[in-house]
Amino acid sequence: MSDQHAWISLLREALAMLAMPPADQSRLNGPGCLACDLMEDFSHARLVALGDANELTANQRALIDRIGAAFEAMEPADYTCFDNSVVERSAWTAVRAMATDALREFGWENTV
């Protein structure tokens, strides 16, 4: 994959943020709602990547779709606005694991 495509940096950064421990997510997110920002950044990156990237393997697409499905399956308590502690819930632990898998699949496991 060539780094000239905009979707690469969007997706890589969104996945890297999702894969981080909760404390790092809170520290690096800045002002705003942590859960909403993480979900929206990933959703935007996913939309751009799936719409623009003919280079994705079936496994890469499946991993991205699994994360999207995990967000859709979350209960309202898992994404309460302005409650940063929600990213410590089990639903977010699962998303972190999926994001880590996706980073590995894309060859981005050392992204920070």
N, C-alpha and C. Protein backbone atom coordinates (compact mmCIF):
# COMPACT_ATOMS: atom_id res chain seq x y z
N MET A 1 0.83 -1.19 0.00
CA MET A 1 0.00 0.00 0.00
C MET A 1 0.87 1.25 0.00
N SER A 2 0.46 2.21 -0.72
CA SER A 2 1.22 3.45 -0.83
C SER A 2 0.70 4.46 0.19
N ASP A 3 1.62 5.18 0.82
CA ASP A 3 1.23 6.19 1.80
C ASP A 3 0.65 7.44 1.16
N GLN A 4 0.55 7.48 -0.15
CA GLN A 4 0.02 8.65 -0.82
C GLN A 4 -1.50 8.76 -0.67
N HIS A 5 -2.15 7.72 -0.22
CA HIS A 5 -3.59 7.73 -0.09
C HIS A 5 -4.01 8.31 1.26
N ALA A 6 -4.94 9.24 1.25
CA ALA A 6 -5.38 9.91 2.48
C ALA A 6 -5.98 8.93 3.49
N TRP A 7 -6.63 7.89 3.02
CA TRP A 7 -7.30 6.96 3.94
C TRP A 7 -6.31 6.26 4.85
N ILE A 8 -5.07 6.10 4.40
CA ILE A 8 -4.09 5.36 5.19
C ILE A 8 -3.80 6.09 6.50
N SER A 9 -3.49 7.37 6.43
CA SER A 9 -3.18 8.09 7.67
C SER A 9 -4.41 8.22 8.55
N LEU A 10 -5.58 8.43 7.96
CA LEU A 10 -6.81 8.51 8.76
C LEU A 10 -7.06 7.21 9.51
N LEU A 11 -7.00 6.10 8.82
CA LEU A 11 -7.28 4.81 9.43
C LEU A 11 -6.20 4.42 10.43
N ARG A 12 -4.95 4.63 10.07
CA ARG A 12 -3.85 4.27 10.96
C ARG A 12 -3.96 5.04 12.28
N GLU A 13 -4.23 6.33 12.22
CA GLU A 13 -4.35 7.13 13.44
C GLU A 13 -5.57 6.73 14.25
N ALA A 14 -6.69 6.47 13.59
CA ALA A 14 -7.90 6.06 14.32
C ALA A 14 -7.68 4.72 15.02
N LEU A 15 -7.08 3.77 14.32
CA LEU A 15 -6.81 2.46 14.92
C LEU A 15 -5.81 2.56 16.06
N ALA A 16 -4.78 3.39 15.89
CA ALA A 16 -3.78 3.57 16.94
C ALA A 16 -4.42 4.13 18.20
N MET A 17 -5.30 5.11 18.05
CA MET A 17 -6.00 5.67 19.22
C MET A 17 -6.89 4.62 19.87
N LEU A 18 -7.59 3.83 19.07
CA LEU A 18 -8.47 2.80 19.62
C LEU A 18 -7.68 1.72 20.36
N ALA A 19 -6.48 1.44 19.92
CA ALA A 19 -5.67 0.38 20.52
C ALA A 19 -4.98 0.79 21.82
N MET A 20 -4.92 2.08 22.08
CA MET A 20 -4.21 2.58 23.26
C MET A 20 -4.94 2.24 24.56
N PRO A 21 -4.19 2.16 25.65
CA PRO A 21 -4.83 1.99 26.96
C PRO A 21 -5.71 3.20 27.27
N PRO A 22 -6.74 3.02 28.09
CA PRO A 22 -7.67 4.11 28.40
C PRO A 22 -7.00 5.40 28.87
N ALA A 23 -6.01 5.30 29.73
CA ALA A 23 -5.36 6.51 30.24
C ALA A 23 -4.71 7.31 29.11
N ASP A 24 -4.08 6.60 28.17
CA ASP A 24 -3.46 7.28 27.03
C ASP A 24 -4.51 7.87 26.10
N GLN A 25 -5.61 7.16 25.91
CA GLN A 25 -6.69 7.71 25.09
C GLN A 25 -7.19 9.02 25.68
N SER A 26 -7.41 9.04 26.99
CA SER A 26 -7.90 10.25 27.66
C SER A 26 -6.90 11.38 27.55
N ARG A 27 -5.63 11.06 27.77
CA ARG A 27 -4.58 12.09 27.74
C ARG A 27 -4.41 12.69 26.35
N LEU A 28 -4.47 11.87 25.32
CA LEU A 28 -4.19 12.34 23.97
C LEU A 28 -5.40 12.91 23.24
N ASN A 29 -6.59 12.64 23.73
CA ASN A 29 -7.78 13.10 23.02
C ASN A 29 -7.98 14.60 23.11
N GLY A 30 -7.62 15.20 24.20
CA GLY A 30 -7.84 16.64 24.37
C GLY A 30 -9.27 16.90 24.80
N PRO A 31 -9.74 18.15 24.64
CA PRO A 31 -11.09 18.47 25.08
C PRO A 31 -12.13 17.77 24.22
N GLY A 32 -13.27 17.54 24.79
CA GLY A 32 -14.35 16.89 24.06
C GLY A 32 -14.74 15.59 24.71
N CYS A 33 -15.63 14.89 24.08
CA CYS A 33 -16.12 13.61 24.59
C CYS A 33 -15.24 12.51 24.03
N LEU A 34 -14.55 11.80 24.90
CA LEU A 34 -13.61 10.77 24.47
C LEU A 34 -14.29 9.67 23.66
N ALA A 35 -15.35 9.11 24.18
CA ALA A 35 -16.04 8.01 23.48
C ALA A 35 -16.54 8.47 22.11
N CYS A 36 -17.18 9.62 22.08
CA CYS A 36 -17.70 10.12 20.80
C CYS A 36 -16.58 10.39 19.81
N ASP A 37 -15.50 11.01 20.29
CA ASP A 37 -14.39 11.32 19.40
C ASP A 37 -13.75 10.05 18.83
N LEU A 38 -13.54 9.04 19.68
CA LEU A 38 -12.95 7.80 19.20
C LEU A 38 -13.85 7.12 18.17
N MET A 39 -15.13 7.07 18.47
CA MET A 39 -16.08 6.43 17.56
C MET A 39 -16.19 7.19 16.25
N GLU A 40 -16.30 8.51 16.33
CA GLU A 40 -16.46 9.32 15.12
C GLU A 40 -15.21 9.30 14.26
N ASP A 41 -14.04 9.38 14.90
CA ASP A 41 -12.79 9.35 14.12
C ASP A 41 -12.66 8.02 13.38
N PHE A 42 -12.96 6.91 14.07
CA PHE A 42 -12.89 5.61 13.41
C PHE A 42 -13.94 5.51 12.30
N SER A 43 -15.16 5.93 12.58
CA SER A 43 -16.23 5.82 11.58
C SER A 43 -15.88 6.60 10.31
N HIS A 44 -15.33 7.79 10.50
CA HIS A 44 -14.93 8.60 9.35
C HIS A 44 -13.80 7.91 8.58
N ALA A 45 -12.78 7.44 9.30
CA ALA A 45 -11.66 6.76 8.64
C ALA A 45 -12.13 5.51 7.92
N ARG A 46 -13.03 4.77 8.54
CA ARG A 46 -13.57 3.55 7.93
C ARG A 46 -14.31 3.88 6.64
N LEU A 47 -15.14 4.89 6.68
CA LEU A 47 -15.91 5.30 5.51
C LEU A 47 -14.98 5.68 4.37
N VAL A 48 -13.97 6.47 4.66
CA VAL A 48 -13.01 6.89 3.64
C VAL A 48 -12.22 5.69 3.12
N ALA A 49 -11.75 4.85 4.03
CA ALA A 49 -10.94 3.69 3.62
C ALA A 49 -11.74 2.73 2.76
N LEU A 50 -12.93 2.39 3.18
CA LEU A 50 -13.72 1.42 2.42
C LEU A 50 -14.19 1.99 1.08
N GLY A 51 -14.36 3.30 1.03
CA GLY A 51 -14.81 3.92 -0.21
C GLY A 51 -13.69 4.22 -1.18
N ASP A 52 -12.46 4.32 -0.66
CA ASP A 52 -11.36 4.78 -1.49
C ASP A 52 -10.27 3.74 -1.72
N ALA A 53 -10.32 2.67 -0.97
CA ALA A 53 -9.19 1.74 -1.00
C ALA A 53 -9.53 0.44 -1.69
N ASN A 54 -9.07 0.31 -2.91
CA ASN A 54 -9.24 -0.95 -3.64
C ASN A 54 -8.17 -1.95 -3.24
N GLU A 55 -7.19 -1.48 -2.46
CA GLU A 55 -6.04 -2.30 -2.10
C GLU A 55 -6.27 -3.13 -0.85
N LEU A 56 -7.38 -2.97 -0.16
CA LEU A 56 -7.61 -3.71 1.08
C LEU A 56 -7.85 -5.19 0.79
N THR A 57 -7.27 -6.02 1.64
CA THR A 57 -7.54 -7.45 1.53
C THR A 57 -8.89 -7.74 2.17
N ALA A 58 -9.40 -8.92 1.91
CA ALA A 58 -10.66 -9.32 2.53
C ALA A 58 -10.54 -9.34 4.05
N ASN A 59 -9.40 -9.78 4.55
CA ASN A 59 -9.19 -9.83 6.00
C ASN A 59 -9.13 -8.43 6.60
N GLN A 60 -8.49 -7.50 5.92
CA GLN A 60 -8.43 -6.11 6.40
C GLN A 60 -9.83 -5.51 6.45
N ARG A 61 -10.61 -5.72 5.41
CA ARG A 61 -11.99 -5.22 5.40
C ARG A 61 -12.81 -5.84 6.53
N ALA A 62 -12.61 -7.13 6.74
CA ALA A 62 -13.36 -7.82 7.79
C ALA A 62 -13.01 -7.27 9.17
N LEU A 63 -11.74 -6.99 9.41
CA LEU A 63 -11.34 -6.43 10.70
C LEU A 63 -11.94 -5.05 10.93
N ILE A 64 -11.92 -4.23 9.90
CA ILE A 64 -12.51 -2.89 9.99
C ILE A 64 -14.02 -3.01 10.25
N ASP A 65 -14.66 -3.91 9.54
CA ASP A 65 -16.10 -4.10 9.73
C ASP A 65 -16.44 -4.63 11.12
N ARG A 66 -15.57 -5.50 11.68
CA ARG A 66 -15.80 -6.02 13.03
C ARG A 66 -15.78 -4.90 14.07
N ILE A 67 -14.86 -3.95 13.91
CA ILE A 67 -14.80 -2.83 14.84
C ILE A 67 -16.07 -1.98 14.70
N GLY A 68 -16.47 -1.72 13.46
CA GLY A 68 -17.71 -0.97 13.24
C GLY A 68 -18.91 -1.67 13.86
N ALA A 69 -18.98 -2.98 13.71
CA ALA A 69 -20.08 -3.74 14.29
C ALA A 69 -20.03 -3.71 15.82
N ALA A 70 -18.84 -3.71 16.38
CA ALA A 70 -18.70 -3.63 17.85
C ALA A 70 -19.24 -2.30 18.35
N PHE A 71 -18.98 -1.22 17.63
CA PHE A 71 -19.52 0.07 18.03
C PHE A 71 -21.05 0.07 17.94
N GLU A 72 -21.57 -0.50 16.87
CA GLU A 72 -23.02 -0.54 16.69
C GLU A 72 -23.70 -1.38 17.77
N ALA A 73 -23.01 -2.38 18.29
CA ALA A 73 -23.58 -3.27 19.30
C ALA A 73 -23.46 -2.72 20.72
N MET A 74 -22.74 -1.63 20.90
CA MET A 74 -22.54 -1.09 22.24
C MET A 74 -23.86 -0.62 22.84
N GLU A 75 -23.95 -0.80 24.14
CA GLU A 75 -25.08 -0.30 24.91
C GLU A 75 -24.87 1.20 25.17
N PRO A 76 -25.93 1.96 25.39
CA PRO A 76 -25.76 3.40 25.68
C PRO A 76 -24.78 3.68 26.82
N ALA A 77 -24.73 2.82 27.81
CA ALA A 77 -23.80 3.03 28.92
C ALA A 77 -22.34 2.93 28.48
N ASP A 78 -22.09 2.31 27.33
CA ASP A 78 -20.73 2.16 26.83
C ASP A 78 -20.21 3.41 26.14
N TYR A 79 -21.08 4.35 25.85
CA TYR A 79 -20.64 5.57 25.18
C TYR A 79 -21.32 6.81 25.75
N THR A 80 -21.47 6.85 27.06
CA THR A 80 -22.04 8.02 27.73
C THR A 80 -21.13 9.22 27.48
N CYS A 81 -21.72 10.29 26.96
CA CYS A 81 -20.94 11.48 26.62
C CYS A 81 -20.28 12.09 27.86
N PHE A 82 -19.06 12.50 27.66
CA PHE A 82 -18.24 13.20 28.65
C PHE A 82 -17.97 12.39 29.91
N ASP A 83 -18.07 11.08 29.82
CA ASP A 83 -17.68 10.18 30.91
C ASP A 83 -16.53 9.33 30.37
N ASN A 84 -15.32 9.80 30.59
CA ASN A 84 -14.15 9.10 30.04
C ASN A 84 -13.97 7.70 30.59
N SER A 85 -14.60 7.41 31.72
CA SER A 85 -14.43 6.08 32.31
C SER A 85 -15.12 4.99 31.48
N VAL A 86 -15.98 5.37 30.54
CA VAL A 86 -16.66 4.34 29.74
C VAL A 86 -15.68 3.53 28.91
N VAL A 87 -14.53 4.11 28.56
CA VAL A 87 -13.56 3.38 27.74
C VAL A 87 -12.85 2.28 28.53
N GLU A 88 -13.16 2.17 29.80
CA GLU A 88 -12.63 1.09 30.62
C GLU A 88 -13.59 -0.10 30.67
N ARG A 89 -14.76 0.02 30.06
CA ARG A 89 -15.75 -1.05 30.04
C ARG A 89 -15.31 -2.18 29.10
N SER A 90 -15.89 -3.34 29.28
CA SER A 90 -15.49 -4.52 28.50
C SER A 90 -15.71 -4.34 27.00
N ALA A 91 -16.73 -3.59 26.62
CA ALA A 91 -16.97 -3.36 25.19
C ALA A 91 -15.77 -2.65 24.55
N TRP A 92 -15.18 -1.72 25.29
CA TRP A 92 -14.02 -0.99 24.79
C TRP A 92 -12.76 -1.83 24.84
N THR A 93 -12.67 -2.73 25.80
CA THR A 93 -11.53 -3.65 25.86
C THR A 93 -11.52 -4.51 24.60
N ALA A 94 -12.69 -4.95 24.19
CA ALA A 94 -12.81 -5.75 22.96
C ALA A 94 -12.41 -4.92 21.74
N VAL A 95 -12.83 -3.67 21.69
CA VAL A 95 -12.47 -2.79 20.57
C VAL A 95 -10.96 -2.58 20.54
N ARG A 96 -10.35 -2.40 21.71
CA ARG A 96 -8.89 -2.23 21.75
C ARG A 96 -8.19 -3.45 21.16
N ALA A 97 -8.66 -4.64 21.50
CA ALA A 97 -8.06 -5.87 20.97
C ALA A 97 -8.24 -5.96 19.46
N MET A 98 -9.42 -5.61 18.97
CA MET A 98 -9.67 -5.65 17.53
C MET A 98 -8.80 -4.62 16.80
N ALA A 99 -8.65 -3.43 17.39
CA ALA A 99 -7.82 -2.40 16.77
C ALA A 99 -6.36 -2.84 16.73
N THR A 100 -5.90 -3.51 17.78
CA THR A 100 -4.54 -4.04 17.81
C THR A 100 -4.36 -5.08 16.70
N ASP A 101 -5.34 -5.96 16.54
CA ASP A 101 -5.30 -6.95 15.47
C ASP A 101 -5.26 -6.28 14.10
N ALA A 102 -6.07 -5.24 13.93
CA ALA A 102 -6.12 -4.54 12.64
C ALA A 102 -4.79 -3.85 12.35
N LEU A 103 -4.21 -3.20 13.35
CA LEU A 103 -2.90 -2.58 13.15
C LEU A 103 -1.87 -3.61 12.69
N ARG A 104 -1.90 -4.77 13.31
CA ARG A 104 -0.97 -5.84 12.94
C ARG A 104 -1.23 -6.29 11.50
N GLU A 105 -2.48 -6.47 11.14
CA GLU A 105 -2.85 -6.94 9.80
C GLU A 105 -2.40 -5.95 8.72
N PHE A 106 -2.46 -4.66 9.03
CA PHE A 106 -2.04 -3.64 8.07
C PHE A 106 -0.52 -3.42 8.07
N GLY A 107 0.18 -4.03 9.03
CA GLY A 107 1.61 -3.82 9.14
C GLY A 107 1.95 -2.54 9.89
N TRP A 108 1.02 -2.07 10.69
CA TRP A 108 1.18 -0.80 11.41
C TRP A 108 1.33 -1.02 12.91
N GLU A 109 1.77 -2.20 13.34
CA GLU A 109 1.78 -2.52 14.77
C GLU A 109 2.68 -1.61 15.59
N ASN A 110 3.62 -0.92 15.00
CA ASN A 110 4.50 -0.01 15.75
C ASN A 110 4.02 1.44 15.73
N THR A 111 2.80 1.65 15.26
CA THR A 111 2.25 3.01 15.21
C THR A 111 1.96 3.50 16.63
N VAL A 112 2.40 4.72 16.90
CA VAL A 112 2.12 5.33 18.20
C VAL A 112 1.48 6.69 17.98
